[in-house]
């Protein structure tokens, strides 16, 4: 039996989700809350397998709330429902390790299937959400490239550095000399305003530059 708790500030939707979950013989709704504080307060006691969370609810500390719930129950898996109106919340929740991101208007059958998939170790993301996420990260990459002004060759060199290649290996891959690679890397450091490989790679990952 999959134990689920629901957090949704809308009484109508929360009751609807609770009724929906009761239709599945494999799912037991062990709690239903309209505030994040209530969910945090009960998750350690109820020890649910899944938290079904409404990202559009008024959560002043949405991300902190999810992190606290994960601390109280490290094995809990979180599925976030979204109407796609809160881009920043969507991408913030992705960064802290949720297991599912689905649309609020998903069918009853799809919601139940998503819960079962996540419980069994999978991850779920509605196609529309996945496209939005992909477009978001592509735009961030383009913004980063424009911001730092890296040339295509410099981005190639940086990509190889991120993949763990040595200067000599990069020279071989790009058919250029070791000294040319070194010159490119010096220029990359200058443009990224860093002073070490570690700083360059950290910034590359954080800003999704390549």
C-alpha atoms as a PDB file:
ATOM      1  CA  UNK A   1       0.000   0.000   0.000  1.00  0.00           C
ATOM      2  CA  UNK A   2       1.329   3.428  -1.010  1.00  0.00           C
ATOM      3  CA  UNK A   3       0.864   6.008   1.757  1.00  0.00           C
ATOM      4  CA  UNK A   4       0.263   9.516   0.386  1.00  0.00           C
ATOM      5  CA  UNK A   5      -0.260  12.922   1.966  1.00  0.00           C
ATOM      6  CA  UNK A   6      -1.728  15.850   0.057  1.00  0.00           C
ATOM      7  CA  UNK A   7      -0.840  19.503   0.507  1.00  0.00           C
ATOM      8  CA  UNK A   8      -3.062  21.959  -1.344  1.00  0.00           C
ATOM      9  CA  UNK A   9      -4.406  25.301  -0.116  1.00  0.00           C
ATOM     10  CA  UNK A  10      -7.591  24.933  -2.170  1.00  0.00           C
ATOM     11  CA  UNK A  11     -10.280  23.124  -0.162  1.00  0.00           C
ATOM     12  CA  UNK A  12     -12.066  22.010  -3.307  1.00  0.00           C
ATOM     13  CA  UNK A  13      -8.997  20.615  -5.004  1.00  0.00           C
ATOM     14  CA  UNK A  14      -7.632  19.032  -1.820  1.00  0.00           C
ATOM     15  CA  UNK A  15     -10.905  17.192  -1.227  1.00  0.00           C
ATOM     16  CA  UNK A  16     -11.018  16.176  -4.882  1.00  0.00           C
ATOM     17  CA  UNK A  17      -7.513  14.720  -4.733  1.00  0.00           C
ATOM     18  CA  UNK A  18      -8.306  12.882  -1.510  1.00  0.00           C
ATOM     19  CA  UNK A  19     -11.413  11.354  -3.089  1.00  0.00           C
ATOM     20  CA  UNK A  20      -9.450  10.457  -6.213  1.00  0.00           C
ATOM     21  CA  UNK A  21      -6.754   8.645  -4.263  1.00  0.00           C
ATOM     22  CA  UNK A  22      -9.373   6.660  -2.359  1.00  0.00           C
ATOM     23  CA  UNK A  23     -10.466   5.100  -5.654  1.00  0.00           C
ATOM     24  CA  UNK A  24      -7.142   3.269  -6.034  1.00  0.00           C
ATOM     25  CA  UNK A  25      -6.810  -0.031  -4.152  1.00  0.00           C
ATOM     26  CA  UNK A  26      -3.016   0.511  -3.995  1.00  0.00           C
ATOM     27  CA  UNK A  27      -3.064   3.999  -2.444  1.00  0.00           C
ATOM     28  CA  UNK A  28      -3.953   5.184   1.047  1.00  0.00           C
ATOM     29  CA  UNK A  29      -4.268   8.927   1.705  1.00  0.00           C
ATOM     30  CA  UNK A  30      -2.999   9.269   5.268  1.00  0.00           C
ATOM     31  CA  UNK A  31      -3.166  13.044   5.503  1.00  0.00           C
ATOM     32  CA  UNK A  32      -4.539  16.140   3.792  1.00  0.00           C
ATOM     33  CA  UNK A  33      -3.324  19.632   4.678  1.00  0.00           C
ATOM     34  CA  UNK A  34      -3.973  23.203   3.592  1.00  0.00           C
ATOM     35  CA  UNK A  35      -0.775  24.714   5.019  1.00  0.00           C
ATOM     36  CA  UNK A  36       2.839  23.757   4.630  1.00  0.00           C
ATOM     37  CA  UNK A  37       3.330  24.029   8.377  1.00  0.00           C
ATOM     38  CA  UNK A  38       0.704  21.341   9.008  1.00  0.00           C
ATOM     39  CA  UNK A  39       2.335  19.029   6.496  1.00  0.00           C
ATOM     40  CA  UNK A  40       5.751  19.549   8.101  1.00  0.00           C
ATOM     41  CA  UNK A  41       4.278  18.932  11.531  1.00  0.00           C
ATOM     42  CA  UNK A  42       2.718  15.602  10.570  1.00  0.00           C
ATOM     43  CA  UNK A  43       5.098  14.094   8.047  1.00  0.00           C
ATOM     44  CA  UNK A  44       7.426  12.681  10.710  1.00  0.00           C
ATOM     45  CA  UNK A  45       4.508  11.007  12.470  1.00  0.00           C
ATOM     46  CA  UNK A  46       2.607   9.753   9.402  1.00  0.00           C
ATOM     47  CA  UNK A  47       5.750   8.656   7.496  1.00  0.00           C
ATOM     48  CA  UNK A  48       4.133   8.758   4.045  1.00  0.00           C
ATOM     49  CA  UNK A  49       5.782   7.337   0.945  1.00  0.00           C
ATOM     50  CA  UNK A  50       4.637  10.191  -1.304  1.00  0.00           C
ATOM     51  CA  UNK A  51       3.859  13.876  -0.829  1.00  0.00           C
ATOM     52  CA  UNK A  52       1.579  15.336  -3.501  1.00  0.00           C
ATOM     53  CA  UNK A  53       2.260  19.069  -3.336  1.00  0.00           C
ATOM     54  CA  UNK A  54       0.656  22.061  -5.036  1.00  0.00           C
ATOM     55  CA  UNK A  55       3.436  24.410  -6.084  1.00  0.00           C
ATOM     56  CA  UNK A  56       1.004  27.268  -6.779  1.00  0.00           C
ATOM     57  CA  UNK A  57      -0.261  27.345  -3.199  1.00  0.00           C
ATOM     58  CA  UNK A  58       0.767  30.382  -1.115  1.00  0.00           C
ATOM     59  CA  UNK A  59       4.065  29.015   0.173  1.00  0.00           C
ATOM     60  CA  UNK A  60       6.238  31.766   1.576  1.00  0.00           C
ATOM     61  CA  UNK A  61       8.833  29.095   2.297  1.00  0.00           C
ATOM     62  CA  UNK A  62       8.009  26.494  -0.329  1.00  0.00           C
ATOM     63  CA  UNK A  63      11.563  25.335  -0.933  1.00  0.00           C
ATOM     64  CA  UNK A  64      12.451  25.430   2.760  1.00  0.00           C
ATOM     65  CA  UNK A  65       9.286  23.454   3.494  1.00  0.00           C
ATOM     66  CA  UNK A  66      10.217  20.703   1.058  1.00  0.00           C
ATOM     67  CA  UNK A  67      13.728  20.566   2.492  1.00  0.00           C
ATOM     68  CA  UNK A  68      12.384  20.250   6.054  1.00  0.00           C
ATOM     69  CA  UNK A  69      10.009  17.478   4.989  1.00  0.00           C
ATOM     70  CA  UNK A  70      12.913  15.647   3.357  1.00  0.00           C
ATOM     71  CA  UNK A  71      14.887  15.991   6.595  1.00  0.00           C
ATOM     72  CA  UNK A  72      12.026  14.614   8.683  1.00  0.00           C
ATOM     73  CA  UNK A  73      11.451  11.726   6.296  1.00  0.00           C
ATOM     74  CA  UNK A  74      14.515  11.170   4.050  1.00  0.00           C
ATOM     75  CA  UNK A  75      12.800   8.386   2.114  1.00  0.00           C
ATOM     76  CA  UNK A  76       9.738  10.437   1.151  1.00  0.00           C
ATOM     77  CA  UNK A  77       9.242  11.092  -2.555  1.00  0.00           C
ATOM     78  CA  UNK A  78       7.713  14.350  -3.693  1.00  0.00           C
ATOM     79  CA  UNK A  79       5.462  14.953  -6.678  1.00  0.00           C
ATOM     80  CA  UNK A  80       4.797  18.599  -7.435  1.00  0.00           C
ATOM     81  CA  UNK A  81       1.692  19.727  -9.275  1.00  0.00           C
ATOM     82  CA  UNK A  82       1.872  22.917 -11.305  1.00  0.00           C
ATOM     83  CA  UNK A  83      -0.301  25.081 -13.527  1.00  0.00           C
ATOM     84  CA  UNK A  84       2.901  26.294 -15.264  1.00  0.00           C
ATOM     85  CA  UNK A  85       2.302  29.838 -14.026  1.00  0.00           C
ATOM     86  CA  UNK A  86       5.226  29.962 -11.582  1.00  0.00           C
ATOM     87  CA  UNK A  87       8.430  29.367 -13.541  1.00  0.00           C
ATOM     88  CA  UNK A  88      10.766  30.281 -10.684  1.00  0.00           C
ATOM     89  CA  UNK A  89       9.121  27.845  -8.295  1.00  0.00           C
ATOM     90  CA  UNK A  90       9.209  25.074 -10.885  1.00  0.00           C
ATOM     91  CA  UNK A  91      12.951  25.350 -11.407  1.00  0.00           C
ATOM     92  CA  UNK A  92      13.716  25.893  -7.719  1.00  0.00           C
ATOM     93  CA  UNK A  93      11.926  22.658  -6.797  1.00  0.00           C
ATOM     94  CA  UNK A  94      13.804  20.772  -9.509  1.00  0.00           C
ATOM     95  CA  UNK A  95      17.079  21.896  -7.982  1.00  0.00           C
ATOM     96  CA  UNK A  96      16.346  20.319  -4.588  1.00  0.00           C
ATOM     97  CA  UNK A  97      15.579  16.834  -5.808  1.00  0.00           C
ATOM     98  CA  UNK A  98      11.881  16.199  -6.304  1.00  0.00           C
ATOM     99  CA  UNK A  99      10.782  12.989  -8.012  1.00  0.00           C
ATOM    100  CA  UNK A 100       7.873  14.234 -10.102  1.00  0.00           C
ATOM    101  CA  UNK A 101       6.559  17.378 -11.766  1.00  0.00           C
ATOM    102  CA  UNK A 102       3.097  17.093 -13.292  1.00  0.00           C
ATOM    103  CA  UNK A 103       0.284  19.297 -14.506  1.00  0.00           C
ATOM    104  CA  UNK A 104      -2.681  20.033 -12.265  1.00  0.00           C
ATOM    105  CA  UNK A 105      -5.081  19.210 -15.056  1.00  0.00           C
ATOM    106  CA  UNK A 106      -3.681  15.696 -15.520  1.00  0.00           C
ATOM    107  CA  UNK A 107      -6.346  13.006 -15.664  1.00  0.00           C
ATOM    108  CA  UNK A 108      -7.222  10.975 -12.580  1.00  0.00           C
ATOM    109  CA  UNK A 109      -5.714   7.883 -14.172  1.00  0.00           C
ATOM    110  CA  UNK A 110      -2.494   9.752 -14.943  1.00  0.00           C
ATOM    111  CA  UNK A 111      -2.111  11.095 -11.399  1.00  0.00           C
ATOM    112  CA  UNK A 112      -2.535   7.623  -9.927  1.00  0.00           C
ATOM    113  CA  UNK A 113      -0.117   6.155 -12.484  1.00  0.00           C
ATOM    114  CA  UNK A 114       2.442   8.861 -11.678  1.00  0.00           C
ATOM    115  CA  UNK A 115       2.213   8.088  -7.954  1.00  0.00           C
ATOM    116  CA  UNK A 116       2.739   4.387  -8.614  1.00  0.00           C
ATOM    117  CA  UNK A 117       5.666   5.074 -10.972  1.00  0.00           C
ATOM    118  CA  UNK A 118       7.430   7.300  -8.439  1.00  0.00           C
ATOM    119  CA  UNK A 119       6.794   4.836  -5.623  1.00  0.00           C
ATOM    120  CA  UNK A 120       8.419   2.120  -7.736  1.00  0.00           C
ATOM    121  CA  UNK A 121      11.571   4.170  -8.186  1.00  0.00           C
ATOM    122  CA  UNK A 122      10.818   6.147 -11.317  1.00  0.00           C
ATOM    123  CA  UNK A 123      10.680   9.847 -12.003  1.00  0.00           C
ATOM    124  CA  UNK A 124       7.795  11.557 -13.783  1.00  0.00           C
ATOM    125  CA  UNK A 125       7.426  14.785 -15.693  1.00  0.00           C
ATOM    126  CA  UNK A 126       4.510  15.808 -17.891  1.00  0.00           C
ATOM    127  CA  UNK A 127       5.610  16.393 -21.516  1.00  0.00           C
ATOM    128  CA  UNK A 128       4.441  20.017 -21.414  1.00  0.00           C
ATOM    129  CA  UNK A 129       6.457  20.607 -18.257  1.00  0.00           C
ATOM    130  CA  UNK A 130       9.505  18.875 -19.741  1.00  0.00           C
ATOM    131  CA  UNK A 131       9.371  21.162 -22.780  1.00  0.00           C
ATOM    132  CA  UNK A 132       9.112  24.230 -20.561  1.00  0.00           C
ATOM    133  CA  UNK A 133      12.086  23.065 -18.507  1.00  0.00           C
ATOM    134  CA  UNK A 134      14.152  22.382 -21.626  1.00  0.00           C
ATOM    135  CA  UNK A 135      13.320  25.793 -23.100  1.00  0.00           C
ATOM    136  CA  UNK A 136      14.169  27.461 -19.791  1.00  0.00           C
ATOM    137  CA  UNK A 137      17.605  25.882 -19.531  1.00  0.00           C
ATOM    138  CA  UNK A 138      18.326  26.557 -23.206  1.00  0.00           C
ATOM    139  CA  UNK A 139      17.479  30.227 -22.657  1.00  0.00           C
ATOM    140  CA  UNK A 140      19.706  30.304 -19.582  1.00  0.00           C
ATOM    141  CA  UNK A 141      22.539  28.802 -21.580  1.00  0.00           C
ATOM    142  CA  UNK A 142      22.099  31.421 -24.308  1.00  0.00           C
ATOM    143  CA  UNK A 143      22.002  34.175 -21.688  1.00  0.00           C
ATOM    144  CA  UNK A 144      25.184  32.855 -20.095  1.00  0.00           C
ATOM    145  CA  UNK A 145      26.991  32.660 -23.418  1.00  0.00           C
ATOM    146  CA  UNK A 146      25.942  36.200 -24.269  1.00  0.00           C
ATOM    147  CA  UNK A 147      26.888  37.418 -20.798  1.00  0.00           C
ATOM    148  CA  UNK A 148      30.412  36.014 -20.855  1.00  0.00           C
ATOM    149  CA  UNK A 149      31.101  36.447 -24.569  1.00  0.00           C
ATOM    150  CA  UNK A 150      32.773  33.082 -25.112  1.00  0.00           C
ATOM    151  CA  UNK A 151      33.655  32.178 -28.682  1.00  0.00           C
ATOM    152  CA  UNK A 152      32.595  28.825 -30.140  1.00  0.00           C
ATOM    153  CA  UNK A 153      36.171  27.542 -29.806  1.00  0.00           C
ATOM    154  CA  UNK A 154      36.378  28.691 -26.183  1.00  0.00           C
ATOM    155  CA  UNK A 155      33.102  26.896 -25.449  1.00  0.00           C
ATOM    156  CA  UNK A 156      34.518  23.739 -27.052  1.00  0.00           C
ATOM    157  CA  UNK A 157      37.601  23.938 -24.865  1.00  0.00           C
ATOM    158  CA  UNK A 158      35.494  24.586 -21.756  1.00  0.00           C
ATOM    159  CA  UNK A 159      33.234  21.641 -22.601  1.00  0.00           C
ATOM    160  CA  UNK A 160      36.233  19.324 -22.847  1.00  0.00           C
ATOM    161  CA  UNK A 161      37.562  20.648 -19.535  1.00  0.00           C
ATOM    162  CA  UNK A 162      34.165  19.928 -17.948  1.00  0.00           C
ATOM    163  CA  UNK A 163      34.363  16.402 -19.369  1.00  0.00           C
ATOM    164  CA  UNK A 164      37.665  15.870 -17.560  1.00  0.00           C
ATOM    165  CA  UNK A 165      40.099  16.088 -20.482  1.00  0.00           C
ATOM    166  CA  UNK A 166      43.646  17.306 -19.937  1.00  0.00           C
ATOM    167  CA  UNK A 167      45.159  20.180 -21.922  1.00  0.00           C
ATOM    168  CA  UNK A 168      47.042  17.667 -24.055  1.00  0.00           C
ATOM    169  CA  UNK A 169      43.913  15.611 -24.734  1.00  0.00           C
ATOM    170  CA  UNK A 170      41.960  18.733 -25.672  1.00  0.00           C
ATOM    171  CA  UNK A 171      44.717  19.673 -28.111  1.00  0.00           C
ATOM    172  CA  UNK A 172      44.398  16.258 -29.716  1.00  0.00           C
ATOM    173  CA  UNK A 173      40.591  16.395 -29.881  1.00  0.00           C
ATOM    174  CA  UNK A 174      40.540  19.858 -31.465  1.00  0.00           C
ATOM    175  CA  UNK A 175      43.664  19.373 -33.606  1.00  0.00           C
ATOM    176  CA  UNK A 176      45.396  22.407 -32.143  1.00  0.00           C
ATOM    177  CA  UNK A 177      48.624  22.822 -30.202  1.00  0.00           C
ATOM    178  CA  UNK A 178      48.990  22.545 -26.444  1.00  0.00           C
ATOM    179  CA  UNK A 179      50.025  26.199 -26.330  1.00  0.00           C
ATOM    180  CA  UNK A 180      46.865  27.226 -28.217  1.00  0.00           C
ATOM    181  CA  UNK A 181      44.750  25.325 -25.681  1.00  0.00           C
ATOM    182  CA  UNK A 182      46.576  27.111 -22.877  1.00  0.00           C
ATOM    183  CA  UNK A 183      45.925  30.460 -24.544  1.00  0.00           C
ATOM    184  CA  UNK A 184      42.215  29.666 -24.909  1.00  0.00           C
ATOM    185  CA  UNK A 185      41.973  28.670 -21.252  1.00  0.00           C
ATOM    186  CA  UNK A 186      43.654  31.876 -20.114  1.00  0.00           C
ATOM    187  CA  UNK A 187      41.112  33.801 -22.189  1.00  0.00           C
ATOM    188  CA  UNK A 188      38.249  31.731 -20.721  1.00  0.00           C
ATOM    189  CA  UNK A 189      39.422  32.466 -17.180  1.00  0.00           C
ATOM    190  CA  UNK A 190      39.594  36.161 -18.038  1.00  0.00           C
ATOM    191  CA  UNK A 191      36.062  36.233 -19.474  1.00  0.00           C
ATOM    192  CA  UNK A 192      34.568  34.182 -16.640  1.00  0.00           C
ATOM    193  CA  UNK A 193      36.539  36.248 -14.114  1.00  0.00           C
ATOM    194  CA  UNK A 194      37.916  33.155 -12.360  1.00  0.00           C
ATOM    195  CA  UNK A 195      41.431  32.117 -11.362  1.00  0.00           C
ATOM    196  CA  UNK A 196      41.342  28.333 -11.302  1.00  0.00           C
ATOM    197  CA  UNK A 197      39.951  25.303 -13.079  1.00  0.00           C
ATOM    198  CA  UNK A 198      37.721  24.535 -10.098  1.00  0.00           C
ATOM    199  CA  UNK A 199      36.174  28.001 -10.176  1.00  0.00           C
ATOM    200  CA  UNK A 200      35.690  27.793 -13.935  1.00  0.00           C
ATOM    201  CA  UNK A 201      33.951  24.419 -13.743  1.00  0.00           C
ATOM    202  CA  UNK A 202      31.768  25.459 -10.811  1.00  0.00           C
ATOM    203  CA  UNK A 203      30.610  28.537 -12.707  1.00  0.00           C
ATOM    204  CA  UNK A 204      30.082  26.488 -15.864  1.00  0.00           C
ATOM    205  CA  UNK A 205      27.828  24.027 -14.049  1.00  0.00           C
ATOM    206  CA  UNK A 206      25.983  26.695 -12.064  1.00  0.00           C
ATOM    207  CA  UNK A 207      25.309  28.884 -15.092  1.00  0.00           C
ATOM    208  CA  UNK A 208      24.830  25.986 -17.542  1.00  0.00           C
ATOM    209  CA  UNK A 209      27.310  27.641 -19.893  1.00  0.00           C
ATOM    210  CA  UNK A 210      28.124  24.620 -22.072  1.00  0.00           C
END
